Amino acid sequence: MSYSTINKAAGDAALIGRVTAAAAQDGVNPPQTAAAQTIWLIAAKSDIEAAYASALAAGNPAPGDDPAVITDGMILSAFQSVWPIAPPAGAL
């Protein structure tokens, strides 16, 4: 796992847009806020990071926008695994 790859994926506008779409389809409102709060956690998921890194190594110029690299199912699964974000321990 590479922090550099996670950083690139978390800043990928197309991937952020796809996470936003997943949040919207999952009924989250506003989906943009949910995407902004979860993109780093999603980019750090091992399957997402590995697929993104592999695509970059293969010369894919837009891995975050390529459903052959990161499927919609991968994004939805990753999103649902981190949303809703639990408050930190002792925050309540």
PDB file of N, CA and C in Angstrom:
ATOM      1  N   MET A   1       0.850  -1.177   0.000  1.00  0.00           N
ATOM      2  CA  MET A   1       0.000   0.000   0.000  1.00  0.00           C
ATOM      3  C   MET A   1       0.894   1.237   0.000  1.00  0.00           C
ATOM      4  N   SER A   2       0.542   2.180  -0.844  1.00  0.00           N
ATOM      5  CA  SER A   2       1.353   3.383  -0.997  1.00  0.00           C
ATOM      6  C   SER A   2       0.557   4.622  -0.590  1.00  0.00           C
ATOM      7  N   TYR A   3       1.150   5.414   0.285  1.00  0.00           N
ATOM      8  CA  TYR A   3       0.505   6.679   0.652  1.00  0.00           C
ATOM      9  C   TYR A   3       0.390   7.595  -0.559  1.00  0.00           C
ATOM     10  N   SER A   4       1.352   7.505  -1.464  1.00  0.00           N
ATOM     11  CA  SER A   4       1.308   8.319  -2.668  1.00  0.00           C
ATOM     12  C   SER A   4       0.087   7.969  -3.522  1.00  0.00           C
ATOM     13  N   THR A   5      -0.181   6.676  -3.664  1.00  0.00           N
ATOM     14  CA  THR A   5      -1.344   6.246  -4.437  1.00  0.00           C
ATOM     15  C   THR A   5      -2.636   6.669  -3.756  1.00  0.00           C
ATOM     16  N   ILE A   6      -2.708   6.499  -2.442  1.00  0.00           N
ATOM     17  CA  ILE A   6      -3.899   6.924  -1.701  1.00  0.00           C
ATOM     18  C   ILE A   6      -4.130   8.415  -1.896  1.00  0.00           C
ATOM     19  N   ASN A   7      -3.067   9.196  -1.824  1.00  0.00           N
ATOM     20  CA  ASN A   7      -3.162  10.639  -2.013  1.00  0.00           C
ATOM     21  C   ASN A   7      -3.685  10.979  -3.404  1.00  0.00           C
ATOM     22  N   LYS A   8      -3.153  10.307  -4.424  1.00  0.00           N
ATOM     23  CA  LYS A   8      -3.614  10.567  -5.791  1.00  0.00           C
ATOM     24  C   LYS A   8      -5.078  10.187  -5.951  1.00  0.00           C
ATOM     25  N   ALA A   9      -5.457   9.039  -5.420  1.00  0.00           N
ATOM     26  CA  ALA A   9      -6.844   8.588  -5.548  1.00  0.00           C
ATOM     27  C   ALA A   9      -7.795   9.522  -4.806  1.00  0.00           C
ATOM     28  N   ALA A  10      -7.411   9.957  -3.622  1.00  0.00           N
ATOM     29  CA  ALA A  10      -8.277  10.830  -2.824  1.00  0.00           C
ATOM     30  C   ALA A  10      -8.468  12.198  -3.479  1.00  0.00           C
ATOM     31  N   GLY A  11      -7.539  12.593  -4.327  1.00  0.00           N
ATOM     32  CA  GLY A  11      -7.647  13.872  -5.030  1.00  0.00           C
ATOM     33  C   GLY A  11      -8.190  13.754  -6.440  1.00  0.00           C
ATOM     34  N   ASP A  12      -8.541  12.548  -6.849  1.00  0.00           N
ATOM     35  CA  ASP A  12      -9.019  12.297  -8.211  1.00  0.00           C
ATOM     36  C   ASP A  12     -10.481  12.759  -8.329  1.00  0.00           C
ATOM     37  N   ALA A  13     -10.700  13.821  -9.088  1.00  0.00           N
ATOM     38  CA  ALA A  13     -12.043  14.410  -9.202  1.00  0.00           C
ATOM     39  C   ALA A  13     -13.071  13.404  -9.725  1.00  0.00           C
ATOM     40  N   ALA A  14     -12.674  12.563 -10.647  1.00  0.00           N
ATOM     41  CA  ALA A  14     -13.614  11.576 -11.183  1.00  0.00           C
ATOM     42  C   ALA A  14     -13.993  10.547 -10.122  1.00  0.00           C
ATOM     43  N   LEU A  15     -13.020  10.105  -9.343  1.00  0.00           N
ATOM     44  CA  LEU A  15     -13.319   9.143  -8.282  1.00  0.00           C
ATOM     45  C   LEU A  15     -14.195   9.799  -7.217  1.00  0.00           C
ATOM     46  N   ILE A  16     -13.902  11.033  -6.875  1.00  0.00           N
ATOM     47  CA  ILE A  16     -14.739  11.756  -5.912  1.00  0.00           C
ATOM     48  C   ILE A  16     -16.171  11.864  -6.445  1.00  0.00           C
ATOM     49  N   GLY A  17     -16.309  12.153  -7.725  1.00  0.00           N
ATOM     50  CA  GLY A  17     -17.632  12.230  -8.334  1.00  0.00           C
ATOM     51  C   GLY A  17     -18.368  10.903  -8.277  1.00  0.00           C
ATOM     52  N   ARG A  18     -17.648   9.819  -8.477  1.00  0.00           N
ATOM     53  CA  ARG A  18     -18.278   8.499  -8.423  1.00  0.00           C
ATOM     54  C   ARG A  18     -18.675   8.138  -6.991  1.00  0.00           C
ATOM     55  N   VAL A  19     -17.870   8.529  -6.019  1.00  0.00           N
ATOM     56  CA  VAL A  19     -18.238   8.317  -4.615  1.00  0.00           C
ATOM     57  C   VAL A  19     -19.476   9.150  -4.283  1.00  0.00           C
ATOM     58  N   THR A  20     -19.531  10.378  -4.788  1.00  0.00           N
ATOM     59  CA  THR A  20     -20.704  11.227  -4.590  1.00  0.00           C
ATOM     60  C   THR A  20     -21.950  10.567  -5.185  1.00  0.00           C
ATOM     61  N   ALA A  21     -21.816   9.996  -6.360  1.00  0.00           N
ATOM     62  CA  ALA A  21     -22.939   9.300  -6.991  1.00  0.00           C
ATOM     63  C   ALA A  21     -23.381   8.096  -6.158  1.00  0.00           C
ATOM     64  N   ALA A  22     -22.428   7.372  -5.614  1.00  0.00           N
ATOM     65  CA  ALA A  22     -22.767   6.219  -4.756  1.00  0.00           C
ATOM     66  C   ALA A  22     -23.526   6.685  -3.522  1.00  0.00           C
ATOM     67  N   ALA A  23     -23.059   7.781  -2.918  1.00  0.00           N
ATOM     68  CA  ALA A  23     -23.737   8.315  -1.732  1.00  0.00           C
ATOM     69  C   ALA A  23     -25.165   8.749  -2.083  1.00  0.00           C
ATOM     70  N   ALA A  24     -25.321   9.408  -3.226  1.00  0.00           N
ATOM     71  CA  ALA A  24     -26.657   9.850  -3.651  1.00  0.00           C
ATOM     72  C   ALA A  24     -27.568   8.658  -3.898  1.00  0.00           C
ATOM     73  N   GLN A  25     -27.058   7.664  -4.584  1.00  0.00           N
ATOM     74  CA  GLN A  25     -27.870   6.484  -4.873  1.00  0.00           C
ATOM     75  C   GLN A  25     -28.219   5.733  -3.592  1.00  0.00           C
ATOM     76  N   ASP A  26     -27.369   5.853  -2.575  1.00  0.00           N
ATOM     77  CA  ASP A  26     -27.614   5.196  -1.293  1.00  0.00           C
ATOM     78  C   ASP A  26     -28.552   6.029  -0.407  1.00  0.00           C
ATOM     79  N   GLY A  27     -28.989   7.197  -0.905  1.00  0.00           N
ATOM     80  CA  GLY A  27     -29.959   8.014  -0.186  1.00  0.00           C
ATOM     81  C   GLY A  27     -29.372   8.997   0.799  1.00  0.00           C
ATOM     82  N   VAL A  28     -28.075   9.246   0.717  1.00  0.00           N
ATOM     83  CA  VAL A  28     -27.428  10.189   1.626  1.00  0.00           C
ATOM     84  C   VAL A  28     -27.631  11.604   1.094  1.00  0.00           C
ATOM     85  N   ASN A  29     -27.996  12.523   2.008  1.00  0.00           N
ATOM     86  CA  ASN A  29     -28.216  13.908   1.609  1.00  0.00           C
ATOM     87  C   ASN A  29     -27.544  14.831   2.607  1.00  0.00           C
ATOM     88  N   PRO A  30     -26.650  15.702   2.174  1.00  0.00           N
ATOM     89  CA  PRO A  30     -26.171  15.906   0.820  1.00  0.00           C
ATOM     90  C   PRO A  30     -25.039  14.931   0.473  1.00  0.00           C
ATOM     91  N   PRO A  31     -25.073  14.351  -0.706  1.00  0.00           N
ATOM     92  CA  PRO A  31     -24.064  13.354  -1.066  1.00  0.00           C
ATOM     93  C   PRO A  31     -22.653  13.925  -1.185  1.00  0.00           C
ATOM     94  N   GLN A  32     -22.546  15.205  -1.540  1.00  0.00           N
ATOM     95  CA  GLN A  32     -21.222  15.823  -1.675  1.00  0.00           C
ATOM     96  C   GLN A  32     -20.488  15.844  -0.334  1.00  0.00           C
ATOM     97  N   THR A  33     -21.225  16.103   0.734  1.00  0.00           N
ATOM     98  CA  THR A  33     -20.626  16.137   2.068  1.00  0.00           C
ATOM     99  C   THR A  33     -20.141  14.746   2.468  1.00  0.00           C
ATOM    100  N   ALA A  34     -20.968  13.748   2.220  1.00  0.00           N
ATOM    101  CA  ALA A  34     -20.587  12.374   2.545  1.00  0.00           C
ATOM    102  C   ALA A  34     -19.352  11.956   1.760  1.00  0.00           C
ATOM    103  N   ALA A  35     -19.298  12.323   0.489  1.00  0.00           N
ATOM    104  CA  ALA A  35     -18.133  11.976  -0.333  1.00  0.00           C
ATOM    105  C   ALA A  35     -16.878  12.656   0.204  1.00  0.00           C
ATOM    106  N   ALA A  36     -16.998  13.927   0.544  1.00  0.00           N
ATOM    107  CA  ALA A  36     -15.840  14.658   1.071  1.00  0.00           C
ATOM    108  C   ALA A  36     -15.346  14.062   2.387  1.00  0.00           C
ATOM    109  N   GLN A  37     -16.272  13.583   3.200  1.00  0.00           N
ATOM    110  CA  GLN A  37     -15.900  13.020   4.501  1.00  0.00           C
ATOM    111  C   GLN A  37     -15.344  11.607   4.404  1.00  0.00           C
ATOM    112  N   THR A  38     -15.608  10.913   3.307  1.00  0.00           N
ATOM    113  CA  THR A  38     -15.199   9.513   3.213  1.00  0.00           C
ATOM    114  C   THR A  38     -14.138   9.213   2.165  1.00  0.00           C
ATOM    115  N   ILE A  39     -13.830  10.139   1.275  1.00  0.00           N
ATOM    116  CA  ILE A  39     -12.943   9.831   0.156  1.00  0.00           C
ATOM    117  C   ILE A  39     -11.586   9.300   0.601  1.00  0.00           C
ATOM    118  N   TRP A  40     -11.016   9.844   1.658  1.00  0.00           N
ATOM    119  CA  TRP A  40      -9.706   9.352   2.120  1.00  0.00           C
ATOM    120  C   TRP A  40      -9.813   7.927   2.642  1.00  0.00           C
ATOM    121  N   LEU A  41     -10.887   7.620   3.355  1.00  0.00           N
ATOM    122  CA  LEU A  41     -11.077   6.264   3.868  1.00  0.00           C
ATOM    123  C   LEU A  41     -11.299   5.281   2.720  1.00  0.00           C
ATOM    124  N   ILE A  42     -12.025   5.714   1.708  1.00  0.00           N
ATOM    125  CA  ILE A  42     -12.289   4.866   0.547  1.00  0.00           C
ATOM    126  C   ILE A  42     -11.010   4.667  -0.260  1.00  0.00           C
ATOM    127  N   ALA A  43     -10.265   5.726  -0.488  1.00  0.00           N
ATOM    128  CA  ALA A  43      -9.011   5.619  -1.242  1.00  0.00           C
ATOM    129  C   ALA A  43      -8.010   4.709  -0.539  1.00  0.00           C
ATOM    130  N   ALA A  44      -8.103   4.623   0.785  1.00  0.00           N
ATOM    131  CA  ALA A  44      -7.179   3.793   1.559  1.00  0.00           C
ATOM    132  C   ALA A  44      -7.602   2.327   1.631  1.00  0.00           C
ATOM    133  N   LYS A  45      -8.808   1.989   1.164  1.00  0.00           N
ATOM    134  CA  LYS A  45      -9.236   0.589   1.149  1.00  0.00           C
ATOM    135  C   LYS A  45      -8.267  -0.200   0.269  1.00  0.00           C
ATOM    136  N   SER A  46      -7.861  -1.361   0.718  1.00  0.00           N
ATOM    137  CA  SER A  46      -6.806  -2.105   0.021  1.00  0.00           C
ATOM    138  C   SER A  46      -7.168  -2.439  -1.428  1.00  0.00           C
ATOM    139  N   ASP A  47      -8.412  -2.808  -1.698  1.00  0.00           N
ATOM    140  CA  ASP A  47      -8.764  -3.152  -3.077  1.00  0.00           C
ATOM    141  C   ASP A  47      -8.801  -1.927  -3.983  1.00  0.00           C
ATOM    142  N   ILE A  48      -9.259  -0.811  -3.453  1.00  0.00           N
ATOM    143  CA  ILE A  48      -9.301   0.439  -4.232  1.00  0.00           C
ATOM    144  C   ILE A  48      -7.877   0.913  -4.518  1.00  0.00           C
ATOM    145  N   GLU A  49      -7.054   0.949  -3.481  1.00  0.00           N
ATOM    146  CA  GLU A  49      -5.671   1.411  -3.634  1.00  0.00           C
ATOM    147  C   GLU A  49      -4.903   0.520  -4.601  1.00  0.00           C
ATOM    148  N   ALA A  50      -5.062  -0.781  -4.480  1.00  0.00           N
ATOM    149  CA  ALA A  50      -4.336  -1.711  -5.346  1.00  0.00           C
ATOM    150  C   ALA A  50      -4.763  -1.554  -6.809  1.00  0.00           C
ATOM    151  N   ALA A  51      -6.053  -1.427  -7.047  1.00  0.00           N
ATOM    152  CA  ALA A  51      -6.547  -1.260  -8.410  1.00  0.00           C
ATOM    153  C   ALA A  51      -6.060   0.062  -8.998  1.00  0.00           C
ATOM    154  N   TYR A  52      -6.096   1.107  -8.196  1.00  0.00           N
ATOM    155  CA  TYR A  52      -5.647   2.426  -8.643  1.00  0.00           C
ATOM    156  C   TYR A  52      -4.159   2.393  -8.977  1.00  0.00           C
ATOM    157  N   ALA A  53      -3.358   1.792  -8.094  1.00  0.00           N
ATOM    158  CA  ALA A  53      -1.908   1.698  -8.305  1.00  0.00           C
ATOM    159  C   ALA A  53      -1.589   0.891  -9.553  1.00  0.00           C
ATOM    160  N   SER A  54      -2.291  -0.212  -9.744  1.00  0.00           N
ATOM    161  CA  SER A  54      -2.061  -1.056 -10.918  1.00  0.00           C
ATOM    162  C   SER A  54      -2.379  -0.302 -12.202  1.00  0.00           C
ATOM    163  N   ALA A  55      -3.468   0.443 -12.179  1.00  0.00           N
ATOM    164  CA  ALA A  55      -3.853   1.214 -13.362  1.00  0.00           C
ATOM    165  C   ALA A  55      -2.825   2.301 -13.671  1.00  0.00           C
ATOM    166  N   LEU A  56      -2.341   2.975 -12.643  1.00  0.00           N
ATOM    167  CA  LEU A  56      -1.304   3.987 -12.856  1.00  0.00           C
ATOM    168  C   LEU A  56      -0.050   3.358 -13.453  1.00  0.00           C
ATOM    169  N   ALA A  57       0.346   2.212 -12.912  1.00  0.00           N
ATOM    170  CA  ALA A  57       1.548   1.527 -13.405  1.00  0.00           C
ATOM    171  C   ALA A  57       1.376   1.083 -14.858  1.00  0.00           C
ATOM    172  N   ALA A  58       0.146   0.791 -15.246  1.00  0.00           N
ATOM    173  CA  ALA A  58      -0.132   0.367 -16.623  1.00  0.00           C
ATOM    174  C   ALA A  58      -0.303   1.550 -17.574  1.00  0.00           C
ATOM    175  N   GLY A  59      -0.208   2.763 -17.036  1.00  0.00           N
ATOM    176  CA  GLY A  59      -0.310   3.952 -17.878  1.00  0.00           C
ATOM    177  C   GLY A  59      -1.717   4.477 -18.078  1.00  0.00           C
ATOM    178  N   ASN A  60      -2.667   3.993 -17.285  1.00  0.00           N
ATOM    179  CA  ASN A  60      -4.036   4.502 -17.384  1.00  0.00           C
ATOM    180  C   ASN A  60      -4.050   5.951 -16.894  1.00  0.00           C
ATOM    181  N   PRO A  61      -4.441   6.905 -17.740  1.00  0.00           N
ATOM    182  CA  PRO A  61      -4.399   8.311 -17.335  1.00  0.00           C
ATOM    183  C   PRO A  61      -5.562   8.740 -16.426  1.00  0.00           C
ATOM    184  N   ALA A  62      -6.597   7.900 -16.314  1.00  0.00           N
ATOM    185  CA  ALA A  62      -7.770   8.291 -15.532  1.00  0.00           C
ATOM    186  C   ALA A  62      -8.348   7.090 -14.780  1.00  0.00           C
ATOM    187  N   PRO A  63      -7.592   6.526 -13.839  1.00  0.00           N
ATOM    188  CA  PRO A  63      -8.079   5.326 -13.161  1.00  0.00           C
ATOM    189  C   PRO A  63      -9.355   5.546 -12.352  1.00  0.00           C
ATOM    190  N   GLY A  64      -9.537   6.720 -11.802  1.00  0.00           N
ATOM    191  CA  GLY A  64     -10.722   6.985 -10.996  1.00  0.00           C
ATOM    192  C   GLY A  64     -11.998   7.070 -11.792  1.00  0.00           C
ATOM    193  N   ASP A  65     -11.889   7.266 -13.100  1.00  0.00           N
ATOM    194  CA  ASP A  65     -13.053   7.382 -13.969  1.00  0.00           C
ATOM    195  C   ASP A  65     -13.293   6.113 -14.772  1.00  0.00           C
ATOM    196  N   ASP A  66     -12.479   5.092 -14.534  1.00  0.00           N
ATOM    197  CA  ASP A  66     -12.539   3.879 -15.343  1.00  0.00           C
ATOM    198  C   ASP A  66     -13.193   2.743 -14.558  1.00  0.00           C
ATOM    199  N   PRO A  67     -14.441   2.387 -14.891  1.00  0.00           N
ATOM    200  CA  PRO A  67     -15.117   1.325 -14.157  1.00  0.00           C
ATOM    201  C   PRO A  67     -14.498  -0.054 -14.368  1.00  0.00           C
ATOM    202  N   ALA A  68     -13.591  -0.180 -15.339  1.00  0.00           N
ATOM    203  CA  ALA A  68     -12.855  -1.432 -15.493  1.00  0.00           C
ATOM    204  C   ALA A  68     -11.729  -1.523 -14.464  1.00  0.00           C
ATOM    205  N   VAL A  69     -11.328  -0.398 -13.899  1.00  0.00           N
ATOM    206  CA  VAL A  69     -10.286  -0.364 -12.869  1.00  0.00           C
ATOM    207  C   VAL A  69     -10.921  -0.470 -11.490  1.00  0.00           C
ATOM    208  N   ILE A  70     -11.799   0.463 -11.187  1.00  0.00           N
ATOM    209  CA  ILE A  70     -12.518   0.474  -9.912  1.00  0.00           C
ATOM    210  C   ILE A  70     -14.005   0.400 -10.267  1.00  0.00           C
ATOM    211  N   THR A  71     -14.611  -0.715  -9.931  1.00  0.00           N
ATOM    212  CA  THR A  71     -16.011  -0.927 -10.303  1.00  0.00           C
ATOM    213  C   THR A  71     -16.943  -0.123  -9.400  1.00  0.00           C
ATOM    214  N   ASP A  72     -18.149   0.076  -9.894  1.00  0.00           N
ATOM    215  CA  ASP A  72     -19.162   0.738  -9.068  1.00  0.00           C
ATOM    216  C   ASP A  72     -19.421  -0.075  -7.803  1.00  0.00           C
ATOM    217  N   GLY A  73     -19.393  -1.394  -7.926  1.00  0.00           N
ATOM    218  CA  GLY A  73     -19.594  -2.254  -6.759  1.00  0.00           C
ATOM    219  C   GLY A  73     -18.518  -2.070  -5.710  1.00  0.00           C
ATOM    220  N   MET A  74     -17.272  -1.884  -6.155  1.00  0.00           N
ATOM    221  CA  MET A  74     -16.177  -1.630  -5.213  1.00  0.00           C
ATOM    222  C   MET A  74     -16.408  -0.318  -4.474  1.00  0.00           C
ATOM    223  N   ILE A  75     -16.826   0.697  -5.216  1.00  0.00           N
ATOM    224  CA  ILE A  75     -17.059   2.010  -4.606  1.00  0.00           C
ATOM    225  C   ILE A  75     -18.212   1.937  -3.618  1.00  0.00           C
ATOM    226  N   LEU A  76     -19.319   1.338  -4.020  1.00  0.00           N
ATOM    227  CA  LEU A  76     -20.469   1.250  -3.127  1.00  0.00           C
ATOM    228  C   LEU A  76     -20.128   0.454  -1.870  1.00  0.00           C
ATOM    229  N   SER A  77     -19.447  -0.657  -2.026  1.00  0.00           N
ATOM    230  CA  SER A  77     -19.062  -1.467  -0.871  1.00  0.00           C
ATOM    231  C   SER A  77     -18.155  -0.681   0.070  1.00  0.00           C
ATOM    232  N   ALA A  78     -17.183   0.014  -0.495  1.00  0.00           N
ATOM    233  CA  ALA A  78     -16.270   0.810   0.327  1.00  0.00           C
ATOM    234  C   ALA A  78     -17.024   1.930   1.037  1.00  0.00           C
ATOM    235  N   PHE A  79     -17.918   2.604   0.306  1.00  0.00           N
ATOM    236  CA  PHE A  79     -18.693   3.692   0.908  1.00  0.00           C
ATOM    237  C   PHE A  79     -19.551   3.174   2.057  1.00  0.00           C
ATOM    238  N   GLN A  80     -20.269   2.101   1.814  1.00  0.00           N
ATOM    239  CA  GLN A  80     -21.157   1.569   2.848  1.00  0.00           C
ATOM    240  C   GLN A  80     -20.393   1.063   4.065  1.00  0.00           C
ATOM    241  N   SER A  81     -19.137   0.683   3.873  1.00  0.00           N
ATOM    242  CA  SER A  81     -18.342   0.195   5.008  1.00  0.00           C
ATOM    243  C   SER A  81     -17.855   1.320   5.917  1.00  0.00           C
ATOM    244  N   VAL A  82     -17.860   2.550   5.415  1.00  0.00           N
ATOM    245  CA  VAL A  82     -17.360   3.671   6.231  1.00  0.00           C
ATOM    246  C   VAL A  82     -18.430   4.707   6.572  1.00  0.00           C
ATOM    247  N   TRP A  83     -19.620   4.574   6.011  1.00  0.00           N
ATOM    248  CA  TRP A  83     -20.692   5.541   6.260  1.00  0.00           C
ATOM    249  C   TRP A  83     -21.834   4.886   7.012  1.00  0.00           C
ATOM    250  N   PRO A  84     -22.427   5.495   8.002  1.00  0.00           N
ATOM    251  CA  PRO A  84     -22.074   6.822   8.514  1.00  0.00           C
ATOM    252  C   PRO A  84     -20.792   6.776   9.345  1.00  0.00           C
ATOM    253  N   ILE A  85     -20.109   7.874   9.352  1.00  0.00           N
ATOM    254  CA  ILE A  85     -18.870   7.978  10.133  1.00  0.00           C
ATOM    255  C   ILE A  85     -19.242   8.089  11.604  1.00  0.00           C
ATOM    256  N   ALA A  86     -18.683   7.197  12.383  1.00  0.00           N
ATOM    257  CA  ALA A  86     -18.953   7.205  13.833  1.00  0.00           C
ATOM    258  C   ALA A  86     -18.186   8.341  14.488  1.00  0.00           C
ATOM    259  N   PRO A  87     -18.787   8.997  15.483  1.00  0.00           N
ATOM    260  CA  PRO A  87     -18.037  10.047  16.190  1.00  0.00           C
ATOM    261  C   PRO A  87     -16.891   9.424  16.972  1.00  0.00           C
ATOM    262  N   PRO A  88     -15.824  10.193  17.202  1.00  0.00           N
ATOM    263  CA  PRO A  88     -14.715   9.678  17.987  1.00  0.00           C
ATOM    264  C   PRO A  88     -15.168   9.262  19.390  1.00  0.00           C
ATOM    265  N   ALA A  89     -14.495   8.297  19.950  1.00  0.00           N
ATOM    266  CA  ALA A  89     -14.828   7.830  21.296  1.00  0.00           C
ATOM    267  C   ALA A  89     -14.807   9.000  22.269  1.00  0.00           C
ATOM    268  N   GLY A  90     -15.832   9.087  23.090  1.00  0.00           N
ATOM    269  CA  GLY A  90     -15.909  10.136  24.083  1.00  0.00           C
ATOM    270  C   GLY A  90     -16.437  11.453  23.564  1.00  0.00           C
ATOM    271  N   ALA A  91     -16.834  11.501  22.277  1.00  0.00           N
ATOM    272  CA  ALA A  91     -17.292  12.768  21.689  1.00  0.00           C
ATOM    273  C   ALA A  91     -18.743  13.080  22.073  1.00  0.00           C
ATOM    274  N   LEU A  92     -19.456  12.091  22.518  1.00  0.00           N
ATOM    275  CA  LEU A  92     -20.870  12.340  22.839  1.00  0.00           C
ATOM    276  C   LEU A  92     -21.077  12.778  24.254  1.00  0.00           C
TER     277      LEU A  92
END
